[in-house]
Each structure stands twice: as structure tokens, then as C-alpha cells.
């Protein structure tokens, strides 16, 4: 499993609180409202004519904001729907924006194909988009029935149904605990294993209702939220992609260029925080060493010692922004 042991709170990238009977009321909405839009532009400080890589272009909100500063943008996304949407929505910017279908962990391959050696900035907006959540056919939704899929890139083979129907009870328990920090992980895993012997899980609502049956409903948050989050992160290897992407993209930054990452989950934020910290230490010291040694990975300066969070006004206007944390570092 693509899991990482975690302690401490988990921030949910999405907190579905829509009642099933109201689900159809949110069918028409903005593709994806960009989180921390003004803060991203301020912190990245893009230069006119420089090339910024938006590794998760989604609905194109951040991409457009960066283009308005005068910078050019290479917009990446592994979701074909997002690629099509951004290509059409931002066509008016002409050659200043290039859109490619790719996971940001493979950004170096795209840059090589375009014969681009260095870049003037990077933005990664992690998690799942509103569009993906609300499209039942993608299998992310808790309130609309659809296939138990959850692949951000439909070309990938592993689906949520594969995990739910084939992982052992121990594997499911570990997954729900580590990526979802679900207190009832073992109880849910055991129920899933018991129920799938009779009928395999193929759709989202039967799984969500089984989890609700196992743990009950308390408060507004759907009891299956954390399990669905864990399944999505496992299907898409989100933590592995983040670790690889940070290394790949940082290596391409030109001196003075900045990399910004918006995380919604404690595990993701910890990876970003530790990466920036480890790459910003000029000297390393250990008790067994006679003297400090220069850090061979020293190439960043932390710009945001504390993460930038949405204002109260933004959180009221866009509740899904409330757990967002933006961290920024600069190439030295």
C-alpha cells in the first residue's frame, strides 16, 4: 500500500456535508474555485515573461491568475476533463499558456519534450477538485451513486473497487488509520470484508451506507468521509507523487524562483514542511561527527515559516478552503 504512518489531526481536502436529497441542487457550479488566489500570486511573485508550472491546473483559476501577472504558464493535470476545460477556457491567452496532460511527478519529462531547462516558479494545489467530487461518474462522491473508481487519471489501473474488494482486513485497517485517521478503521474494515463475501462493492453509495451502518452518523460530516479520502489517496498514490514531484520541480527552478504548495491534509503538509526544512539547512550536524558538514541538498530558503491560511472572509465564501495551508520556498 502507498501509505505513511501519521500522528496528529488530518485536514480533509473535502468535507462533503451535502444531504442526498439536496445533491442535485449543486449540479451547476464553478468548475473549481481557486483557494488562496491572491496569496498565491503575492507569495510566488511571478515575473513577467517567466514560465510558471501549475502542476495541478484543475479548473484553471490559479493558472489564469498567474497569466494575468504577465507570466507564462505550463499547466499540467492528470485529469483529462481538467485538461480539456483549461485548454478551452484559457485559449484566449494563446501561446502564453501550454496545457499538457501529466501528473506533476512527471513534469521533468514534459519540460524535456518542450526543451525547457529551467522554470520561474511552481504551484501545486493538492487534493481533489469540486468538479471531481460532484461528478458521480468519477466515483469520488458520497452523495451521488457512481462506480467505485476515484482515479484522477483514468489511464491508471488501480480503482477504489479493487482496494475495497481485494485488500485484506489488516491492509484496509492500516489504510483507513494512516491516510484517513479513521478511529473506527478496524470495525469498518471488518464489516467491508464480511459484506463483500456476499456482494462485492462496485458503487459508491452502497459503501458509504455500509460505513454509516458500522459507525453511525454524528454531526454534519458524513461518516464515510475519511474512508473515502483514504481510498482516493491510495488509488492515486498522492503522497508518493508529492514526494517525487517536489524533488523534480525544485531541481528545475532557476535562482530566485519560488515553489508554492497548497495542502489540505496533515500528511501532505508535513511532507512539504519537512522537504522545505531539509533543503534550507546549509549545515548538518550529528553527535558522531567531529564537526558540522555542508548539506549537499541545500538549495532552498523558506519564505513562509508559518503556512499562509485563508482569511475568514474566504472561508465563509468557500467552506472547502478552510483547511488549506500554503507553504512557499525560494531557490537559492
C-alpha atoms as a PDB file:
ATOM      1  CA  UNK A   1       0.000   0.000   0.000  1.00  0.00           C
ATOM      2  CA  UNK A   2       1.092   3.593  -0.616  1.00  0.00           C
ATOM      3  CA  UNK A   3       0.696   4.591   2.998  1.00  0.00           C
ATOM      4  CA  UNK A   4       2.602   6.651   5.545  1.00  0.00           C
ATOM      5  CA  UNK A   5       2.142   6.493   9.295  1.00  0.00           C
ATOM      6  CA  UNK A   6       0.723   9.698  10.699  1.00  0.00           C
ATOM      7  CA  UNK A   7       0.073  11.264  14.068  1.00  0.00           C
ATOM      8  CA  UNK A   8      -1.940  14.377  14.697  1.00  0.00           C
ATOM      9  CA  UNK A   9      -5.031  15.794  13.021  1.00  0.00           C
ATOM     10  CA  UNK A  10      -5.969  15.225   9.430  1.00  0.00           C
ATOM     11  CA  UNK A  11      -7.353  18.105   7.378  1.00  0.00           C
ATOM     12  CA  UNK A  12      -9.909  16.972   4.897  1.00  0.00           C
ATOM     13  CA  UNK A  13      -9.395  18.102   1.327  1.00  0.00           C
ATOM     14  CA  UNK A  14     -13.137  17.985   1.006  1.00  0.00           C
ATOM     15  CA  UNK A  15     -15.788  17.672   3.641  1.00  0.00           C
ATOM     16  CA  UNK A  16     -18.986  16.501   1.939  1.00  0.00           C
ATOM     17  CA  UNK A  17     -21.860  17.739   4.022  1.00  0.00           C
ATOM     18  CA  UNK A  18     -24.498  17.834   1.310  1.00  0.00           C
ATOM     19  CA  UNK A  19     -27.621  15.827   2.034  1.00  0.00           C
ATOM     20  CA  UNK A  20     -28.527  13.252  -0.603  1.00  0.00           C
ATOM     21  CA  UNK A  21     -31.861  14.924  -1.237  1.00  0.00           C
ATOM     22  CA  UNK A  22     -30.044  18.225  -1.981  1.00  0.00           C
ATOM     23  CA  UNK A  23     -27.341  16.719  -4.154  1.00  0.00           C
ATOM     24  CA  UNK A  24     -28.903  17.746  -7.433  1.00  0.00           C
ATOM     25  CA  UNK A  25     -29.041  21.386  -6.314  1.00  0.00           C
ATOM     26  CA  UNK A  26     -25.266  21.739  -6.699  1.00  0.00           C
ATOM     27  CA  UNK A  27     -25.020  20.269 -10.189  1.00  0.00           C
ATOM     28  CA  UNK A  28     -24.290  23.633 -11.803  1.00  0.00           C
ATOM     29  CA  UNK A  29     -21.326  25.361 -10.199  1.00  0.00           C
ATOM     30  CA  UNK A  30     -17.979  26.922 -10.967  1.00  0.00           C
ATOM     31  CA  UNK A  31     -15.566  24.196 -12.099  1.00  0.00           C
ATOM     32  CA  UNK A  32     -13.201  24.802  -9.186  1.00  0.00           C
ATOM     33  CA  UNK A  33     -12.944  27.946  -7.077  1.00  0.00           C
ATOM     34  CA  UNK A  34      -9.230  28.669  -6.599  1.00  0.00           C
ATOM     35  CA  UNK A  35      -8.123  28.726  -2.962  1.00  0.00           C
ATOM     36  CA  UNK A  36      -5.800  31.474  -1.665  1.00  0.00           C
ATOM     37  CA  UNK A  37      -5.677  33.042  -5.139  1.00  0.00           C
ATOM     38  CA  UNK A  38      -4.363  36.463  -4.069  1.00  0.00           C
ATOM     39  CA  UNK A  39      -1.941  34.918  -1.596  1.00  0.00           C
ATOM     40  CA  UNK A  40      -0.541  32.577  -4.246  1.00  0.00           C
ATOM     41  CA  UNK A  41       0.212  35.453  -6.613  1.00  0.00           C
ATOM     42  CA  UNK A  42       1.743  37.562  -3.831  1.00  0.00           C
ATOM     43  CA  UNK A  43       3.919  34.773  -2.442  1.00  0.00           C
ATOM     44  CA  UNK A  44       5.103  33.357  -5.769  1.00  0.00           C
ATOM     45  CA  UNK A  45       5.868  36.876  -7.046  1.00  0.00           C
ATOM     46  CA  UNK A  46       5.999  35.755 -10.700  1.00  0.00           C
ATOM     47  CA  UNK A  47       7.969  37.891 -13.149  1.00  0.00           C
ATOM     48  CA  UNK A  48       6.539  38.982 -16.482  1.00  0.00           C
ATOM     49  CA  UNK A  49       7.750  36.661 -19.215  1.00  0.00           C
ATOM     50  CA  UNK A  50       8.920  33.934 -16.826  1.00  0.00           C
ATOM     51  CA  UNK A  51       7.478  30.412 -17.068  1.00  0.00           C
ATOM     52  CA  UNK A  52       5.459  29.119 -14.116  1.00  0.00           C
ATOM     53  CA  UNK A  53       4.496  25.465 -13.839  1.00  0.00           C
ATOM     54  CA  UNK A  54       0.986  24.995 -12.454  1.00  0.00           C
ATOM     55  CA  UNK A  55       1.232  21.299 -11.696  1.00  0.00           C
ATOM     56  CA  UNK A  56      -2.458  20.900 -10.815  1.00  0.00           C
ATOM     57  CA  UNK A  57      -4.328  23.309 -13.066  1.00  0.00           C
ATOM     58  CA  UNK A  58      -7.780  21.847 -12.303  1.00  0.00           C
ATOM     59  CA  UNK A  59     -10.341  24.473 -13.277  1.00  0.00           C
ATOM     60  CA  UNK A  60      -7.677  26.963 -14.323  1.00  0.00           C
ATOM     61  CA  UNK A  61      -8.324  29.557 -11.620  1.00  0.00           C
ATOM     62  CA  UNK A  62      -4.739  29.763 -10.386  1.00  0.00           C
ATOM     63  CA  UNK A  63      -3.416  29.400 -13.936  1.00  0.00           C
ATOM     64  CA  UNK A  64      -5.419  32.427 -15.074  1.00  0.00           C
ATOM     65  CA  UNK A  65      -4.367  34.475 -12.031  1.00  0.00           C
ATOM     66  CA  UNK A  66      -0.708  33.764 -12.824  1.00  0.00           C
ATOM     67  CA  UNK A  67      -1.207  34.615 -16.501  1.00  0.00           C
ATOM     68  CA  UNK A  68      -2.711  37.973 -15.532  1.00  0.00           C
ATOM     69  CA  UNK A  69       0.595  38.905 -13.854  1.00  0.00           C
ATOM     70  CA  UNK A  70       2.334  38.684 -17.232  1.00  0.00           C
ATOM     71  CA  UNK A  71       3.985  35.351 -16.594  1.00  0.00           C
ATOM     72  CA  UNK A  72       3.618  32.407 -18.977  1.00  0.00           C
ATOM     73  CA  UNK A  73       2.259  29.123 -17.631  1.00  0.00           C
ATOM     74  CA  UNK A  74       2.784  25.443 -18.314  1.00  0.00           C
ATOM     75  CA  UNK A  75      -0.451  23.943 -16.970  1.00  0.00           C
ATOM     76  CA  UNK A  76      -0.379  20.249 -16.058  1.00  0.00           C
ATOM     77  CA  UNK A  77      -3.118  17.946 -14.858  1.00  0.00           C
ATOM     78  CA  UNK A  78      -3.596  14.198 -14.934  1.00  0.00           C
ATOM     79  CA  UNK A  79      -7.367  14.560 -15.278  1.00  0.00           C
ATOM     80  CA  UNK A  80      -8.439  14.691 -18.954  1.00  0.00           C
ATOM     81  CA  UNK A  81     -11.558  16.700 -18.072  1.00  0.00           C
ATOM     82  CA  UNK A  82      -9.417  19.399 -16.450  1.00  0.00           C
ATOM     83  CA  UNK A  83      -7.033  19.498 -19.412  1.00  0.00           C
ATOM     84  CA  UNK A  84      -9.908  19.978 -21.863  1.00  0.00           C
ATOM     85  CA  UNK A  85     -11.585  22.598 -19.686  1.00  0.00           C
ATOM     86  CA  UNK A  86      -8.440  24.681 -19.183  1.00  0.00           C
ATOM     87  CA  UNK A  87      -7.452  24.398 -22.849  1.00  0.00           C
ATOM     88  CA  UNK A  88     -10.813  25.852 -23.864  1.00  0.00           C
ATOM     89  CA  UNK A  89     -11.191  28.336 -21.006  1.00  0.00           C
ATOM     90  CA  UNK A  90      -7.754  29.919 -21.390  1.00  0.00           C
ATOM     91  CA  UNK A  91      -7.349  29.668 -25.173  1.00  0.00           C
ATOM     92  CA  UNK A  92      -7.507  33.457 -25.365  1.00  0.00           C
ATOM     93  CA  UNK A  93      -4.021  33.645 -23.829  1.00  0.00           C
ATOM     94  CA  UNK A  94      -2.604  31.953 -26.910  1.00  0.00           C
ATOM     95  CA  UNK A  95       0.964  30.705 -26.693  1.00  0.00           C
ATOM     96  CA  UNK A  96       1.426  32.160 -23.216  1.00  0.00           C
ATOM     97  CA  UNK A  97      -0.244  29.060 -21.800  1.00  0.00           C
ATOM     98  CA  UNK A  98       0.574  25.485 -22.698  1.00  0.00           C
ATOM     99  CA  UNK A  99      -1.619  22.710 -21.328  1.00  0.00           C
ATOM    100  CA  UNK A 100      -0.437  19.128 -21.026  1.00  0.00           C
ATOM    101  CA  UNK A 101      -1.958  16.002 -19.531  1.00  0.00           C
ATOM    102  CA  UNK A 102       0.519  14.700 -16.976  1.00  0.00           C
ATOM    103  CA  UNK A 103       0.945  14.045 -13.273  1.00  0.00           C
ATOM    104  CA  UNK A 104       3.260  16.720 -11.867  1.00  0.00           C
ATOM    105  CA  UNK A 105       5.590  13.955 -10.673  1.00  0.00           C
ATOM    106  CA  UNK A 106       6.495  13.587 -14.373  1.00  0.00           C
ATOM    107  CA  UNK A 107       6.936  17.311 -15.017  1.00  0.00           C
ATOM    108  CA  UNK A 108      10.587  16.808 -15.944  1.00  0.00           C
ATOM    109  CA  UNK A 109       9.566  14.653 -18.915  1.00  0.00           C
ATOM    110  CA  UNK A 110       7.154  17.318 -20.166  1.00  0.00           C
ATOM    111  CA  UNK A 111       9.790  20.025 -19.758  1.00  0.00           C
ATOM    112  CA  UNK A 112      12.328  17.900 -21.640  1.00  0.00           C
ATOM    113  CA  UNK A 113       9.869  17.406 -24.507  1.00  0.00           C
ATOM    114  CA  UNK A 114       9.355  21.173 -24.654  1.00  0.00           C
ATOM    115  CA  UNK A 115      13.134  21.715 -24.423  1.00  0.00           C
ATOM    116  CA  UNK A 116      12.796  23.804 -21.263  1.00  0.00           C
ATOM    117  CA  UNK A 117      15.698  23.595 -18.806  1.00  0.00           C
ATOM    118  CA  UNK A 118      14.695  25.974 -16.007  1.00  0.00           C
ATOM    119  CA  UNK A 119      11.438  27.488 -14.782  1.00  0.00           C
ATOM    120  CA  UNK A 120      10.471  30.670 -12.960  1.00  0.00           C
ATOM    121  CA  UNK A 121       8.121  29.168 -10.388  1.00  0.00           C
ATOM    122  CA  UNK A 122       5.898  26.279  -9.367  1.00  0.00           C
ATOM    123  CA  UNK A 123       2.429  25.938  -7.874  1.00  0.00           C
ATOM    124  CA  UNK A 124       0.887  22.706  -6.596  1.00  0.00           C
ATOM    125  CA  UNK A 125      -2.711  22.778  -5.334  1.00  0.00           C
ATOM    126  CA  UNK A 126      -3.160  19.328  -3.845  1.00  0.00           C
ATOM    127  CA  UNK A 127      -6.280  17.285  -3.214  1.00  0.00           C
ATOM    128  CA  UNK A 128      -9.440  16.814  -5.230  1.00  0.00           C
ATOM    129  CA  UNK A 129     -11.372  19.444  -7.171  1.00  0.00           C
ATOM    130  CA  UNK A 130     -15.005  20.365  -6.669  1.00  0.00           C
ATOM    131  CA  UNK A 131     -15.746  19.097 -10.168  1.00  0.00           C
ATOM    132  CA  UNK A 132     -14.310  15.674  -9.392  1.00  0.00           C
ATOM    133  CA  UNK A 133     -16.226  15.476  -6.132  1.00  0.00           C
ATOM    134  CA  UNK A 134     -19.557  16.353  -7.678  1.00  0.00           C
ATOM    135  CA  UNK A 135     -19.262  14.200 -10.800  1.00  0.00           C
ATOM    136  CA  UNK A 136     -20.813  10.866  -9.792  1.00  0.00           C
ATOM    137  CA  UNK A 137     -19.220   9.072 -12.745  1.00  0.00           C
ATOM    138  CA  UNK A 138     -15.762   9.654 -11.281  1.00  0.00           C
ATOM    139  CA  UNK A 139     -16.601   7.775  -8.090  1.00  0.00           C
ATOM    140  CA  UNK A 140     -15.483  10.381  -5.539  1.00  0.00           C
ATOM    141  CA  UNK A 141     -18.942  11.360  -4.361  1.00  0.00           C
ATOM    142  CA  UNK A 142     -20.568  10.341  -1.108  1.00  0.00           C
ATOM    143  CA  UNK A 143     -23.977  11.674  -2.086  1.00  0.00           C
ATOM    144  CA  UNK A 144     -24.357  10.586  -5.714  1.00  0.00           C
ATOM    145  CA  UNK A 145     -24.145   6.959  -6.702  1.00  0.00           C
ATOM    146  CA  UNK A 146     -21.479   6.036  -9.209  1.00  0.00           C
ATOM    147  CA  UNK A 147     -18.788   3.455  -9.923  1.00  0.00           C
ATOM    148  CA  UNK A 148     -16.304   2.932  -7.086  1.00  0.00           C
ATOM    149  CA  UNK A 149     -13.454   4.387  -9.134  1.00  0.00           C
ATOM    150  CA  UNK A 150     -11.673   7.500  -7.729  1.00  0.00           C
ATOM    151  CA  UNK A 151      -8.934   7.581 -10.379  1.00  0.00           C
ATOM    152  CA  UNK A 152      -7.832  11.110 -11.179  1.00  0.00           C
ATOM    153  CA  UNK A 153      -6.155   9.671 -14.266  1.00  0.00           C
ATOM    154  CA  UNK A 154      -8.487   7.093 -15.887  1.00  0.00           C
ATOM    155  CA  UNK A 155      -5.449   5.505 -17.551  1.00  0.00           C
ATOM    156  CA  UNK A 156      -4.295   4.120 -14.213  1.00  0.00           C
ATOM    157  CA  UNK A 157      -5.351   0.566 -13.447  1.00  0.00           C
ATOM    158  CA  UNK A 158      -5.994   0.575  -9.681  1.00  0.00           C
ATOM    159  CA  UNK A 159      -9.504   1.622  -8.631  1.00  0.00           C
ATOM    160  CA  UNK A 160     -11.178   2.050  -5.264  1.00  0.00           C
ATOM    161  CA  UNK A 161     -13.232  -1.084  -6.006  1.00  0.00           C
ATOM    162  CA  UNK A 162     -10.003  -3.069  -6.401  1.00  0.00           C
ATOM    163  CA  UNK A 163      -8.850  -1.935  -2.971  1.00  0.00           C
ATOM    164  CA  UNK A 164     -12.162  -2.426  -1.181  1.00  0.00           C
ATOM    165  CA  UNK A 165     -12.722  -5.886  -2.633  1.00  0.00           C
ATOM    166  CA  UNK A 166      -9.173  -7.263  -2.554  1.00  0.00           C
ATOM    167  CA  UNK A 167      -7.215  -5.759   0.340  1.00  0.00           C
ATOM    168  CA  UNK A 168      -7.183  -7.872   3.487  1.00  0.00           C
ATOM    169  CA  UNK A 169      -8.864  -6.675   6.676  1.00  0.00           C
ATOM    170  CA  UNK A 170      -5.436  -5.755   8.071  1.00  0.00           C
ATOM    171  CA  UNK A 171      -4.492  -3.810   4.960  1.00  0.00           C
ATOM    172  CA  UNK A 172      -7.785  -1.923   4.961  1.00  0.00           C
ATOM    173  CA  UNK A 173      -7.439  -1.151   8.666  1.00  0.00           C
ATOM    174  CA  UNK A 174      -3.942   0.226   8.142  1.00  0.00           C
ATOM    175  CA  UNK A 175      -5.070   2.256   5.152  1.00  0.00           C
ATOM    176  CA  UNK A 176      -8.056   3.823   6.918  1.00  0.00           C
ATOM    177  CA  UNK A 177      -5.965   4.621  10.001  1.00  0.00           C
ATOM    178  CA  UNK A 178      -2.976   6.107   8.217  1.00  0.00           C
ATOM    179  CA  UNK A 179      -4.456   8.022   5.297  1.00  0.00           C
ATOM    180  CA  UNK A 180      -7.860   8.722   6.809  1.00  0.00           C
ATOM    181  CA  UNK A 181      -7.080   8.674  10.525  1.00  0.00           C
ATOM    182  CA  UNK A 182     -10.405   6.926  10.973  1.00  0.00           C
ATOM    183  CA  UNK A 183     -10.891   5.916  14.651  1.00  0.00           C
ATOM    184  CA  UNK A 184     -13.198   3.053  13.670  1.00  0.00           C
ATOM    185  CA  UNK A 185     -10.816   1.742  10.996  1.00  0.00           C
ATOM    186  CA  UNK A 186     -10.799  -1.878  12.161  1.00  0.00           C
ATOM    187  CA  UNK A 187     -14.556  -2.044  12.639  1.00  0.00           C
ATOM    188  CA  UNK A 188     -15.158  -0.624   9.166  1.00  0.00           C
ATOM    189  CA  UNK A 189     -12.575  -2.906   7.571  1.00  0.00           C
ATOM    190  CA  UNK A 190     -14.062  -6.000   9.176  1.00  0.00           C
ATOM    191  CA  UNK A 191     -17.564  -5.061   8.039  1.00  0.00           C
ATOM    192  CA  UNK A 192     -16.365  -4.460   4.476  1.00  0.00           C
ATOM    193  CA  UNK A 193     -14.652  -7.855   4.347  1.00  0.00           C
ATOM    194  CA  UNK A 194     -17.760  -9.538   5.719  1.00  0.00           C
ATOM    195  CA  UNK A 195     -20.152  -7.818   3.313  1.00  0.00           C
ATOM    196  CA  UNK A 196     -18.027  -8.229   0.177  1.00  0.00           C
ATOM    197  CA  UNK A 197     -18.140 -12.017   0.576  1.00  0.00           C
ATOM    198  CA  UNK A 198     -21.841 -11.805  -0.225  1.00  0.00           C
ATOM    199  CA  UNK A 199     -21.782  -8.979  -2.771  1.00  0.00           C
ATOM    200  CA  UNK A 200     -18.627  -7.175  -3.928  1.00  0.00           C
ATOM    201  CA  UNK A 201     -18.676  -3.385  -3.652  1.00  0.00           C
ATOM    202  CA  UNK A 202     -18.941  -1.796  -7.100  1.00  0.00           C
ATOM    203  CA  UNK A 203     -20.624   1.557  -6.393  1.00  0.00           C
ATOM    204  CA  UNK A 204     -20.090   4.454  -4.022  1.00  0.00           C
ATOM    205  CA  UNK A 205     -23.385   4.716  -2.155  1.00  0.00           C
ATOM    206  CA  UNK A 206     -23.529   1.072  -1.001  1.00  0.00           C
ATOM    207  CA  UNK A 207     -20.065   1.511   0.507  1.00  0.00           C
ATOM    208  CA  UNK A 208     -20.930   4.861   2.103  1.00  0.00           C
ATOM    209  CA  UNK A 209     -24.098   3.406   3.619  1.00  0.00           C
ATOM    210  CA  UNK A 210     -22.251   0.329   4.902  1.00  0.00           C
ATOM    211  CA  UNK A 211     -19.767   2.596   6.688  1.00  0.00           C
ATOM    212  CA  UNK A 212     -22.600   4.670   8.128  1.00  0.00           C
ATOM    213  CA  UNK A 213     -24.158   1.453   9.377  1.00  0.00           C
ATOM    214  CA  UNK A 214     -20.907   0.469  11.050  1.00  0.00           C
ATOM    215  CA  UNK A 215     -20.195   3.727  12.887  1.00  0.00           C
ATOM    216  CA  UNK A 216     -23.466   5.689  12.868  1.00  0.00           C
ATOM    217  CA  UNK A 217     -23.892   9.345  11.937  1.00  0.00           C
ATOM    218  CA  UNK A 218     -22.734  12.066  14.304  1.00  0.00           C
ATOM    219  CA  UNK A 219     -22.855  15.700  13.279  1.00  0.00           C
ATOM    220  CA  UNK A 220     -22.987  17.078   9.750  1.00  0.00           C
ATOM    221  CA  UNK A 221     -19.962  15.288   8.317  1.00  0.00           C
ATOM    222  CA  UNK A 222     -20.721  12.045   6.530  1.00  0.00           C
ATOM    223  CA  UNK A 223     -19.233   9.120   8.492  1.00  0.00           C
ATOM    224  CA  UNK A 224     -17.595   7.734   5.331  1.00  0.00           C
ATOM    225  CA  UNK A 225     -15.667  10.936   4.559  1.00  0.00           C
ATOM    226  CA  UNK A 226     -12.329   9.825   5.989  1.00  0.00           C
ATOM    227  CA  UNK A 227     -12.515   6.351   4.459  1.00  0.00           C
ATOM    228  CA  UNK A 228     -13.277   7.799   1.032  1.00  0.00           C
ATOM    229  CA  UNK A 229     -10.361  10.187   1.452  1.00  0.00           C
ATOM    230  CA  UNK A 230      -8.014   7.321   2.306  1.00  0.00           C
ATOM    231  CA  UNK A 231      -9.184   5.297  -0.702  1.00  0.00           C
ATOM    232  CA  UNK A 232      -8.696   8.266  -3.039  1.00  0.00           C
ATOM    233  CA  UNK A 233      -5.185   8.928  -1.780  1.00  0.00           C
ATOM    234  CA  UNK A 234      -4.248   5.263  -2.148  1.00  0.00           C
ATOM    235  CA  UNK A 235      -5.722   4.930  -5.643  1.00  0.00           C
ATOM    236  CA  UNK A 236      -3.769   7.949  -6.878  1.00  0.00           C
ATOM    237  CA  UNK A 237      -0.594   7.440  -4.811  1.00  0.00           C
ATOM    238  CA  UNK A 238      -0.909  11.062  -3.792  1.00  0.00           C
ATOM    239  CA  UNK A 239       1.842  11.065  -1.177  1.00  0.00           C
ATOM    240  CA  UNK A 240       4.299   9.291  -3.452  1.00  0.00           C
ATOM    241  CA  UNK A 241       3.522  11.731  -6.262  1.00  0.00           C
ATOM    242  CA  UNK A 242       4.066  14.689  -3.928  1.00  0.00           C
ATOM    243  CA  UNK A 243       7.452  13.464  -2.716  1.00  0.00           C
ATOM    244  CA  UNK A 244       8.659  12.800  -6.249  1.00  0.00           C
ATOM    245  CA  UNK A 245       7.159  15.983  -7.662  1.00  0.00           C
ATOM    246  CA  UNK A 246       8.821  18.215  -5.071  1.00  0.00           C
ATOM    247  CA  UNK A 247      12.237  16.833  -5.984  1.00  0.00           C
ATOM    248  CA  UNK A 248      11.671  17.004  -9.733  1.00  0.00           C
ATOM    249  CA  UNK A 249      10.270  20.530  -9.797  1.00  0.00           C
ATOM    250  CA  UNK A 250      12.690  22.050  -7.296  1.00  0.00           C
ATOM    251  CA  UNK A 251      15.578  20.810  -9.422  1.00  0.00           C
ATOM    252  CA  UNK A 252      14.237  22.855 -12.363  1.00  0.00           C
ATOM    253  CA  UNK A 253      13.787  26.155 -10.534  1.00  0.00           C
ATOM    254  CA  UNK A 254      16.057  28.999 -11.542  1.00  0.00           C
ATOM    255  CA  UNK A 255      17.762  31.045  -8.833  1.00  0.00           C
ATOM    256  CA  UNK A 256      15.269  33.313  -7.048  1.00  0.00           C
ATOM    257  CA  UNK A 257      12.244  31.388  -8.332  1.00  0.00           C
ATOM    258  CA  UNK A 258       9.674  30.151  -5.833  1.00  0.00           C
ATOM    259  CA  UNK A 259       7.711  26.957  -5.290  1.00  0.00           C
ATOM    260  CA  UNK A 260       4.348  27.096  -3.513  1.00  0.00           C
ATOM    261  CA  UNK A 261       2.259  24.161  -2.312  1.00  0.00           C
ATOM    262  CA  UNK A 262      -1.315  24.266  -1.036  1.00  0.00           C
ATOM    263  CA  UNK A 263      -2.087  21.244   1.136  1.00  0.00           C
ATOM    264  CA  UNK A 264      -5.389  20.225   2.706  1.00  0.00           C
ATOM    265  CA  UNK A 265      -4.196  17.148   4.581  1.00  0.00           C
ATOM    266  CA  UNK A 266      -1.788  16.897   7.513  1.00  0.00           C
ATOM    267  CA  UNK A 267       0.300  14.185   5.851  1.00  0.00           C
ATOM    268  CA  UNK A 268       0.761  16.252   2.699  1.00  0.00           C
ATOM    269  CA  UNK A 269       1.569  19.404   4.652  1.00  0.00           C
ATOM    270  CA  UNK A 270       4.131  17.513   6.749  1.00  0.00           C
ATOM    271  CA  UNK A 271       5.877  16.235   3.621  1.00  0.00           C
ATOM    272  CA  UNK A 272       6.085  19.777   2.214  1.00  0.00           C
ATOM    273  CA  UNK A 273       7.207  21.283   5.527  1.00  0.00           C
ATOM    274  CA  UNK A 274       9.942  18.679   6.005  1.00  0.00           C
ATOM    275  CA  UNK A 275      11.123  18.942   2.386  1.00  0.00           C
ATOM    276  CA  UNK A 276      11.469  22.729   2.597  1.00  0.00           C
ATOM    277  CA  UNK A 277      13.164  22.480   6.016  1.00  0.00           C
ATOM    278  CA  UNK A 278      15.649  19.826   4.945  1.00  0.00           C
ATOM    279  CA  UNK A 279      16.590  21.677   1.758  1.00  0.00           C
ATOM    280  CA  UNK A 280      17.021  25.011   3.572  1.00  0.00           C
ATOM    281  CA  UNK A 281      19.654  23.825   6.090  1.00  0.00           C
ATOM    282  CA  UNK A 282      23.099  24.903   4.943  1.00  0.00           C
ATOM    283  CA  UNK A 283      24.897  22.831   7.536  1.00  0.00           C
ATOM    284  CA  UNK A 284      24.176  19.420   9.048  1.00  0.00           C
ATOM    285  CA  UNK A 285      25.462  18.230  12.396  1.00  0.00           C
ATOM    286  CA  UNK A 286      25.303  14.912  14.185  1.00  0.00           C
ATOM    287  CA  UNK A 287      26.711  13.855  17.561  1.00  0.00           C
ATOM    288  CA  UNK A 288      29.001  11.294  15.953  1.00  0.00           C
ATOM    289  CA  UNK A 289      30.549  13.833  13.549  1.00  0.00           C
ATOM    290  CA  UNK A 290      33.689  15.739  14.623  1.00  0.00           C
ATOM    291  CA  UNK A 291      32.311  18.917  13.014  1.00  0.00           C
ATOM    292  CA  UNK A 292      29.272  20.091  11.015  1.00  0.00           C
ATOM    293  CA  UNK A 293      29.111  19.215   7.321  1.00  0.00           C
ATOM    294  CA  UNK A 294      27.670  21.178   4.456  1.00  0.00           C
ATOM    295  CA  UNK A 295      24.249  19.916   3.354  1.00  0.00           C
ATOM    296  CA  UNK A 296      24.544  18.531  -0.204  1.00  0.00           C
ATOM    297  CA  UNK A 297      20.809  19.218  -0.755  1.00  0.00           C
ATOM    298  CA  UNK A 298      20.935  22.828   0.385  1.00  0.00           C
ATOM    299  CA  UNK A 299      19.161  24.803  -2.362  1.00  0.00           C
ATOM    300  CA  UNK A 300      16.093  26.459  -0.806  1.00  0.00           C
ATOM    301  CA  UNK A 301      15.177  29.333   1.505  1.00  0.00           C
ATOM    302  CA  UNK A 302      11.874  29.074   3.383  1.00  0.00           C
ATOM    303  CA  UNK A 303       9.658  32.060   2.592  1.00  0.00           C
ATOM    304  CA  UNK A 304       6.737  31.120   4.878  1.00  0.00           C
ATOM    305  CA  UNK A 305       7.977  29.913   8.313  1.00  0.00           C
ATOM    306  CA  UNK A 306       4.296  29.506   9.138  1.00  0.00           C
ATOM    307  CA  UNK A 307       1.823  28.433   6.452  1.00  0.00           C
ATOM    308  CA  UNK A 308      -0.463  31.008   4.881  1.00  0.00           C
ATOM    309  CA  UNK A 309      -4.130  30.237   5.599  1.00  0.00           C
ATOM    310  CA  UNK A 310      -7.376  31.556   4.089  1.00  0.00           C
ATOM    311  CA  UNK A 311      -8.928  34.643   5.592  1.00  0.00           C
ATOM    312  CA  UNK A 312     -12.196  34.360   7.488  1.00  0.00           C
ATOM    313  CA  UNK A 313     -13.890  36.047   4.552  1.00  0.00           C
ATOM    314  CA  UNK A 314     -12.630  33.416   2.111  1.00  0.00           C
ATOM    315  CA  UNK A 315     -13.589  30.595   4.435  1.00  0.00           C
ATOM    316  CA  UNK A 316     -17.134  31.940   4.639  1.00  0.00           C
ATOM    317  CA  UNK A 317     -17.354  32.320   0.863  1.00  0.00           C
ATOM    318  CA  UNK A 318     -15.723  28.953   0.155  1.00  0.00           C
ATOM    319  CA  UNK A 319     -16.028  26.500   3.079  1.00  0.00           C
ATOM    320  CA  UNK A 320     -13.791  23.965   1.341  1.00  0.00           C
ATOM    321  CA  UNK A 321     -10.891  26.408   1.699  1.00  0.00           C
ATOM    322  CA  UNK A 322     -10.868  26.324   5.481  1.00  0.00           C
ATOM    323  CA  UNK A 323      -8.217  23.596   5.813  1.00  0.00           C
ATOM    324  CA  UNK A 324      -5.900  24.957   3.113  1.00  0.00           C
ATOM    325  CA  UNK A 325      -2.285  25.721   4.051  1.00  0.00           C
ATOM    326  CA  UNK A 326       0.126  27.390   1.639  1.00  0.00           C
ATOM    327  CA  UNK A 327       3.881  26.946   2.098  1.00  0.00           C
ATOM    328  CA  UNK A 328       6.453  28.665  -0.110  1.00  0.00           C
ATOM    329  CA  UNK A 329      10.212  28.314  -0.588  1.00  0.00           C
ATOM    330  CA  UNK A 330      12.702  30.097  -2.850  1.00  0.00           C
ATOM    331  CA  UNK A 331      15.552  28.594  -4.881  1.00  0.00           C
ATOM    332  CA  UNK A 332      18.955  29.946  -3.887  1.00  0.00           C
END
